[in-house]
N, C-alpha and C. Protein backbone atom coordinates (compact mmCIF):
# COMPACT_ATOMS: atom_id res chain seq x y z
N UNK A 1 1.62 24.77 -19.12
CA UNK A 1 0.40 25.55 -18.91
C UNK A 1 -0.79 24.59 -18.90
N UNK A 2 -1.78 24.90 -18.13
CA UNK A 2 -2.95 24.06 -18.00
C UNK A 2 -3.66 23.90 -19.33
N UNK A 3 -4.12 22.71 -19.61
CA UNK A 3 -4.75 22.43 -20.90
C UNK A 3 -6.22 22.79 -20.92
N UNK A 4 -6.84 22.99 -19.78
CA UNK A 4 -8.29 23.22 -19.75
C UNK A 4 -8.66 24.68 -19.56
N UNK A 5 -7.73 25.50 -19.11
CA UNK A 5 -8.06 26.90 -18.85
C UNK A 5 -6.94 27.80 -19.33
N UNK A 6 -7.29 29.02 -19.69
CA UNK A 6 -6.31 30.01 -20.09
C UNK A 6 -5.91 30.79 -18.84
N UNK A 7 -4.65 30.64 -18.45
CA UNK A 7 -4.19 31.33 -17.24
C UNK A 7 -3.40 32.59 -17.55
N UNK A 8 -3.29 32.95 -18.82
CA UNK A 8 -2.45 34.10 -19.19
C UNK A 8 -3.00 35.43 -18.67
N UNK A 9 -4.27 35.48 -18.30
CA UNK A 9 -4.85 36.71 -17.78
C UNK A 9 -4.62 36.87 -16.28
N UNK A 10 -4.08 35.83 -15.64
CA UNK A 10 -3.80 35.90 -14.21
C UNK A 10 -2.48 36.62 -13.98
N UNK A 11 -2.26 37.13 -12.76
CA UNK A 11 -0.96 37.74 -12.44
C UNK A 11 0.17 36.71 -12.63
N UNK A 12 1.36 37.20 -12.90
CA UNK A 12 2.49 36.32 -13.18
C UNK A 12 2.76 35.35 -12.03
N UNK A 13 2.66 35.84 -10.79
CA UNK A 13 2.91 34.97 -9.65
C UNK A 13 1.92 33.81 -9.61
N UNK A 14 0.67 34.06 -9.98
CA UNK A 14 -0.36 33.01 -9.99
C UNK A 14 -0.08 32.01 -11.11
N UNK A 15 0.34 32.53 -12.28
CA UNK A 15 0.68 31.63 -13.39
C UNK A 15 1.84 30.71 -13.00
N UNK A 16 2.86 31.31 -12.37
CA UNK A 16 4.02 30.51 -11.94
C UNK A 16 3.61 29.44 -10.93
N UNK A 17 2.76 29.83 -9.99
CA UNK A 17 2.32 28.88 -8.96
C UNK A 17 1.54 27.73 -9.60
N UNK A 18 0.67 28.04 -10.54
CA UNK A 18 -0.12 27.00 -11.22
C UNK A 18 0.81 26.05 -11.97
N UNK A 19 1.81 26.60 -12.64
CA UNK A 19 2.76 25.75 -13.39
C UNK A 19 3.51 24.81 -12.45
N UNK A 20 3.95 25.33 -11.30
CA UNK A 20 4.66 24.50 -10.33
C UNK A 20 3.74 23.39 -9.80
N UNK A 21 2.51 23.75 -9.46
CA UNK A 21 1.57 22.75 -8.94
C UNK A 21 1.25 21.69 -9.99
N UNK A 22 1.11 22.10 -11.25
CA UNK A 22 0.86 21.13 -12.32
C UNK A 22 2.04 20.19 -12.50
N UNK A 23 3.27 20.72 -12.38
CA UNK A 23 4.46 19.90 -12.50
C UNK A 23 4.52 18.88 -11.35
N UNK A 24 4.23 19.34 -10.14
CA UNK A 24 4.24 18.43 -8.98
C UNK A 24 3.16 17.35 -9.12
N UNK A 25 2.00 17.73 -9.65
CA UNK A 25 0.94 16.75 -9.87
C UNK A 25 1.38 15.68 -10.86
N UNK A 26 2.00 16.10 -11.97
CA UNK A 26 2.48 15.13 -12.95
C UNK A 26 3.52 14.19 -12.34
N UNK A 27 4.45 14.75 -11.54
CA UNK A 27 5.47 13.93 -10.89
C UNK A 27 4.84 12.93 -9.93
N UNK A 28 3.85 13.37 -9.16
CA UNK A 28 3.18 12.48 -8.21
C UNK A 28 2.43 11.38 -8.96
N UNK A 29 1.77 11.72 -10.03
CA UNK A 29 1.05 10.72 -10.82
C UNK A 29 2.02 9.70 -11.41
N UNK A 30 3.18 10.15 -11.86
CA UNK A 30 4.18 9.23 -12.40
C UNK A 30 4.72 8.32 -11.30
N UNK A 31 4.93 8.86 -10.12
CA UNK A 31 5.41 8.04 -9.00
C UNK A 31 4.40 6.98 -8.62
N UNK A 32 3.14 7.36 -8.57
CA UNK A 32 2.08 6.41 -8.24
C UNK A 32 2.01 5.32 -9.30
N UNK A 33 2.06 5.70 -10.56
CA UNK A 33 2.01 4.72 -11.64
C UNK A 33 3.20 3.76 -11.56
N UNK A 34 4.37 4.28 -11.23
CA UNK A 34 5.55 3.42 -11.12
C UNK A 34 5.41 2.43 -9.96
N UNK A 35 4.87 2.88 -8.84
CA UNK A 35 4.69 1.99 -7.69
C UNK A 35 3.65 0.92 -7.96
N UNK A 36 2.64 1.24 -8.74
CA UNK A 36 1.58 0.29 -9.01
C UNK A 36 1.87 -0.64 -10.17
N UNK A 37 2.87 -0.32 -10.97
CA UNK A 37 3.14 -1.14 -12.15
C UNK A 37 3.88 -2.41 -11.75
N UNK A 38 3.64 -3.46 -12.50
CA UNK A 38 4.30 -4.74 -12.21
C UNK A 38 5.80 -4.67 -12.45
N UNK A 39 6.27 -3.76 -13.31
CA UNK A 39 7.67 -3.71 -13.64
C UNK A 39 8.47 -2.70 -12.85
N UNK A 40 7.88 -2.11 -11.85
CA UNK A 40 8.57 -1.08 -11.07
C UNK A 40 9.78 -1.67 -10.36
N UNK A 41 10.92 -0.98 -10.41
CA UNK A 41 12.10 -1.48 -9.72
C UNK A 41 11.86 -1.71 -8.23
N UNK A 42 10.97 -0.93 -7.61
CA UNK A 42 10.71 -1.10 -6.18
C UNK A 42 9.92 -2.37 -5.90
N UNK A 43 9.26 -2.92 -6.93
CA UNK A 43 8.43 -4.10 -6.74
C UNK A 43 9.06 -5.38 -7.28
N UNK A 44 10.17 -5.27 -8.00
CA UNK A 44 10.78 -6.45 -8.59
C UNK A 44 11.26 -7.38 -7.48
N UNK A 45 10.96 -8.63 -7.64
CA UNK A 45 11.37 -9.63 -6.66
C UNK A 45 10.46 -9.71 -5.45
N UNK A 46 9.41 -8.91 -5.41
CA UNK A 46 8.50 -8.96 -4.27
C UNK A 46 7.58 -10.17 -4.40
N UNK A 47 7.32 -10.81 -3.29
CA UNK A 47 6.38 -11.93 -3.28
C UNK A 47 5.14 -11.57 -2.48
N UNK A 48 4.86 -10.28 -2.36
CA UNK A 48 3.67 -9.80 -1.67
C UNK A 48 2.83 -9.04 -2.69
N UNK A 49 1.59 -9.47 -2.88
CA UNK A 49 0.72 -8.80 -3.83
C UNK A 49 -0.59 -8.42 -3.15
N UNK A 50 -1.31 -7.52 -3.80
CA UNK A 50 -2.66 -7.18 -3.34
C UNK A 50 -3.55 -7.11 -4.56
N UNK A 51 -4.81 -7.34 -4.34
CA UNK A 51 -5.79 -7.16 -5.41
C UNK A 51 -7.09 -6.73 -4.76
N UNK A 52 -7.88 -6.06 -5.54
CA UNK A 52 -9.18 -5.60 -5.06
C UNK A 52 -10.22 -6.20 -5.98
N UNK A 53 -11.09 -7.02 -5.43
CA UNK A 53 -12.10 -7.67 -6.27
C UNK A 53 -11.44 -8.60 -7.27
N UNK A 54 -11.75 -8.41 -8.53
CA UNK A 54 -11.24 -9.27 -9.57
C UNK A 54 -10.02 -8.68 -10.27
N UNK A 55 -9.45 -7.61 -9.72
CA UNK A 55 -8.26 -7.00 -10.32
C UNK A 55 -7.11 -7.99 -10.38
N UNK A 56 -6.22 -7.78 -11.32
CA UNK A 56 -4.99 -8.55 -11.39
C UNK A 56 -4.13 -8.20 -10.17
N UNK A 57 -3.59 -9.21 -9.48
CA UNK A 57 -2.74 -8.89 -8.32
C UNK A 57 -1.56 -8.01 -8.72
N UNK A 58 -1.28 -7.02 -7.87
CA UNK A 58 -0.18 -6.09 -8.10
C UNK A 58 0.81 -6.25 -6.95
N UNK A 59 2.11 -6.23 -7.25
CA UNK A 59 3.09 -6.42 -6.17
C UNK A 59 3.23 -5.19 -5.29
N UNK A 60 3.49 -5.44 -4.02
CA UNK A 60 3.87 -4.38 -3.09
C UNK A 60 5.39 -4.36 -3.00
N UNK A 61 5.92 -3.35 -2.36
CA UNK A 61 7.38 -3.28 -2.20
C UNK A 61 7.89 -4.49 -1.44
N UNK A 62 9.08 -4.94 -1.82
CA UNK A 62 9.70 -6.06 -1.13
C UNK A 62 9.88 -5.70 0.34
N UNK A 63 9.56 -6.63 1.21
CA UNK A 63 9.70 -6.40 2.64
C UNK A 63 8.49 -5.73 3.28
N UNK A 64 7.41 -5.55 2.53
CA UNK A 64 6.22 -4.91 3.06
C UNK A 64 5.61 -5.73 4.19
N UNK A 65 5.15 -5.06 5.22
CA UNK A 65 4.37 -5.70 6.28
C UNK A 65 2.92 -5.26 6.11
N UNK A 66 2.01 -6.19 6.31
CA UNK A 66 0.58 -5.92 6.13
C UNK A 66 -0.07 -5.92 7.50
N UNK A 67 -0.90 -4.90 7.75
CA UNK A 67 -1.59 -4.79 9.04
C UNK A 67 -3.08 -5.01 8.84
N UNK A 68 -3.67 -5.74 9.78
CA UNK A 68 -5.10 -5.99 9.78
C UNK A 68 -5.66 -5.52 11.12
N UNK A 69 -6.68 -4.70 11.07
CA UNK A 69 -7.36 -4.29 12.29
C UNK A 69 -8.55 -5.20 12.49
N UNK A 70 -8.56 -5.90 13.60
CA UNK A 70 -9.61 -6.87 13.89
C UNK A 70 -10.64 -6.34 14.86
N UNK A 71 -10.50 -5.11 15.24
CA UNK A 71 -11.43 -4.49 16.17
C UNK A 71 -11.49 -3.01 15.94
N UNK A 72 -12.14 -2.28 16.84
CA UNK A 72 -12.36 -0.86 16.62
C UNK A 72 -11.17 0.04 16.92
N UNK A 73 -10.12 -0.48 17.54
CA UNK A 73 -9.00 0.39 17.91
C UNK A 73 -7.70 -0.14 17.30
N UNK A 74 -6.68 0.70 17.19
CA UNK A 74 -5.38 0.25 16.69
C UNK A 74 -4.74 -0.84 17.55
N UNK A 75 -5.18 -0.97 18.80
CA UNK A 75 -4.64 -2.03 19.64
C UNK A 75 -5.12 -3.40 19.19
N UNK A 76 -6.17 -3.46 18.38
CA UNK A 76 -6.72 -4.72 17.88
C UNK A 76 -6.11 -5.02 16.51
N UNK A 77 -4.79 -5.12 16.47
CA UNK A 77 -4.09 -5.21 15.20
C UNK A 77 -3.23 -6.46 15.13
N UNK A 78 -3.21 -7.06 13.95
CA UNK A 78 -2.26 -8.13 13.63
C UNK A 78 -1.42 -7.64 12.47
N UNK A 79 -0.11 -7.84 12.56
CA UNK A 79 0.82 -7.44 11.50
C UNK A 79 1.49 -8.71 10.97
N UNK A 80 1.53 -8.83 9.64
CA UNK A 80 2.10 -10.01 9.00
C UNK A 80 3.21 -9.56 8.06
N UNK A 81 4.33 -10.25 8.11
CA UNK A 81 5.44 -9.99 7.20
C UNK A 81 6.23 -11.26 7.00
N UNK A 82 7.26 -11.18 6.19
CA UNK A 82 8.09 -12.35 5.93
C UNK A 82 9.26 -12.38 6.89
N UNK A 83 9.54 -13.56 7.40
CA UNK A 83 10.69 -13.77 8.26
C UNK A 83 11.81 -14.42 7.47
N UNK A 84 12.73 -15.01 8.19
CA UNK A 84 13.84 -15.71 7.55
C UNK A 84 13.39 -17.07 7.04
N UNK A 85 14.06 -17.53 6.03
CA UNK A 85 13.88 -18.88 5.52
C UNK A 85 12.46 -19.15 5.03
N UNK A 86 11.82 -18.17 4.42
CA UNK A 86 10.50 -18.37 3.82
C UNK A 86 9.37 -18.54 4.82
N UNK A 87 9.49 -17.97 6.00
CA UNK A 87 8.44 -18.08 7.00
C UNK A 87 7.65 -16.77 7.09
N UNK A 88 6.45 -16.86 7.62
CA UNK A 88 5.65 -15.68 7.91
C UNK A 88 5.82 -15.33 9.37
N UNK A 89 5.96 -14.06 9.65
CA UNK A 89 6.00 -13.58 11.03
C UNK A 89 4.70 -12.85 11.30
N UNK A 90 4.02 -13.21 12.37
CA UNK A 90 2.74 -12.62 12.73
C UNK A 90 2.87 -12.02 14.13
N UNK A 91 2.52 -10.74 14.24
CA UNK A 91 2.59 -10.04 15.52
C UNK A 91 1.22 -9.48 15.86
N UNK A 92 0.85 -9.56 17.13
CA UNK A 92 -0.35 -8.90 17.63
C UNK A 92 0.10 -7.70 18.45
N UNK A 93 -0.61 -6.59 18.32
CA UNK A 93 -0.16 -5.37 18.99
C UNK A 93 -0.38 -5.41 20.50
N UNK A 94 -1.44 -5.98 20.99
CA UNK A 94 -1.69 -5.95 22.43
C UNK A 94 -2.07 -7.32 22.97
N UNK A 95 -3.02 -7.96 22.34
CA UNK A 95 -3.54 -9.22 22.84
C UNK A 95 -2.72 -10.39 22.31
N UNK A 96 -3.00 -11.58 22.85
CA UNK A 96 -2.39 -12.78 22.32
C UNK A 96 -3.06 -13.19 21.02
N UNK A 97 -2.40 -14.04 20.28
CA UNK A 97 -2.92 -14.51 18.99
C UNK A 97 -3.56 -15.88 19.19
N UNK A 98 -4.72 -16.05 18.62
CA UNK A 98 -5.40 -17.34 18.61
C UNK A 98 -5.28 -17.91 17.19
N UNK A 99 -4.76 -19.13 17.08
CA UNK A 99 -4.64 -19.81 15.79
C UNK A 99 -5.61 -20.98 15.80
N UNK A 100 -6.53 -20.98 14.85
CA UNK A 100 -7.53 -22.04 14.76
C UNK A 100 -7.34 -22.79 13.44
N UNK A 101 -6.95 -24.06 13.50
CA UNK A 101 -6.83 -24.84 12.26
C UNK A 101 -8.19 -25.01 11.59
N UNK A 102 -8.22 -24.86 10.28
CA UNK A 102 -9.45 -25.07 9.50
C UNK A 102 -9.34 -26.34 8.67
N UNK A 103 -8.19 -26.59 8.12
CA UNK A 103 -7.90 -27.77 7.30
C UNK A 103 -6.40 -27.98 7.36
N UNK A 104 -5.90 -28.97 6.65
CA UNK A 104 -4.46 -29.22 6.70
C UNK A 104 -3.66 -28.09 6.05
N UNK A 105 -4.31 -27.22 5.28
CA UNK A 105 -3.60 -26.14 4.61
C UNK A 105 -4.21 -24.75 4.89
N UNK A 106 -4.96 -24.62 5.98
CA UNK A 106 -5.59 -23.32 6.27
C UNK A 106 -5.79 -23.14 7.77
N UNK A 107 -5.59 -21.90 8.24
CA UNK A 107 -5.84 -21.55 9.63
C UNK A 107 -6.55 -20.19 9.64
N UNK A 108 -7.20 -19.90 10.75
CA UNK A 108 -7.69 -18.53 10.99
C UNK A 108 -6.89 -17.96 12.14
N UNK A 109 -6.69 -16.67 12.11
CA UNK A 109 -5.99 -15.96 13.17
C UNK A 109 -6.94 -14.99 13.83
N UNK A 110 -6.86 -14.87 15.12
CA UNK A 110 -7.68 -13.91 15.84
C UNK A 110 -6.91 -13.42 17.05
N UNK A 111 -7.51 -12.51 17.77
CA UNK A 111 -6.92 -11.98 18.99
C UNK A 111 -7.64 -12.55 20.19
N UNK A 112 -6.88 -12.88 21.23
CA UNK A 112 -7.51 -13.40 22.44
C UNK A 112 -8.24 -12.25 23.13
N UNK A 113 -9.34 -12.60 23.81
CA UNK A 113 -10.12 -11.55 24.50
C UNK A 113 -9.38 -10.92 25.65
């Protein structure tokens, strides 16, 4: 039963519906927490992480591909994932990829016009 409101004055069907929705909400919150936690079985062994600002990096599911939109449409997309033997695979959805060396250990990627 909801902790913030008394639902006992509602019709039985409404009480039942609220209970089901609250149960589904709890299950969804638990699933989200499990996916975001560092110890989640779905994230163990993953070498792909994300962070927002100064947050601690959190792992994504193993085998995740990351998409970047470099323009206003989905056709302006680069997708990055892991290939065989510890390599990165980079795909452009429509245009060619431009690789610009910045230093011996850094490059920028862009789409050709």
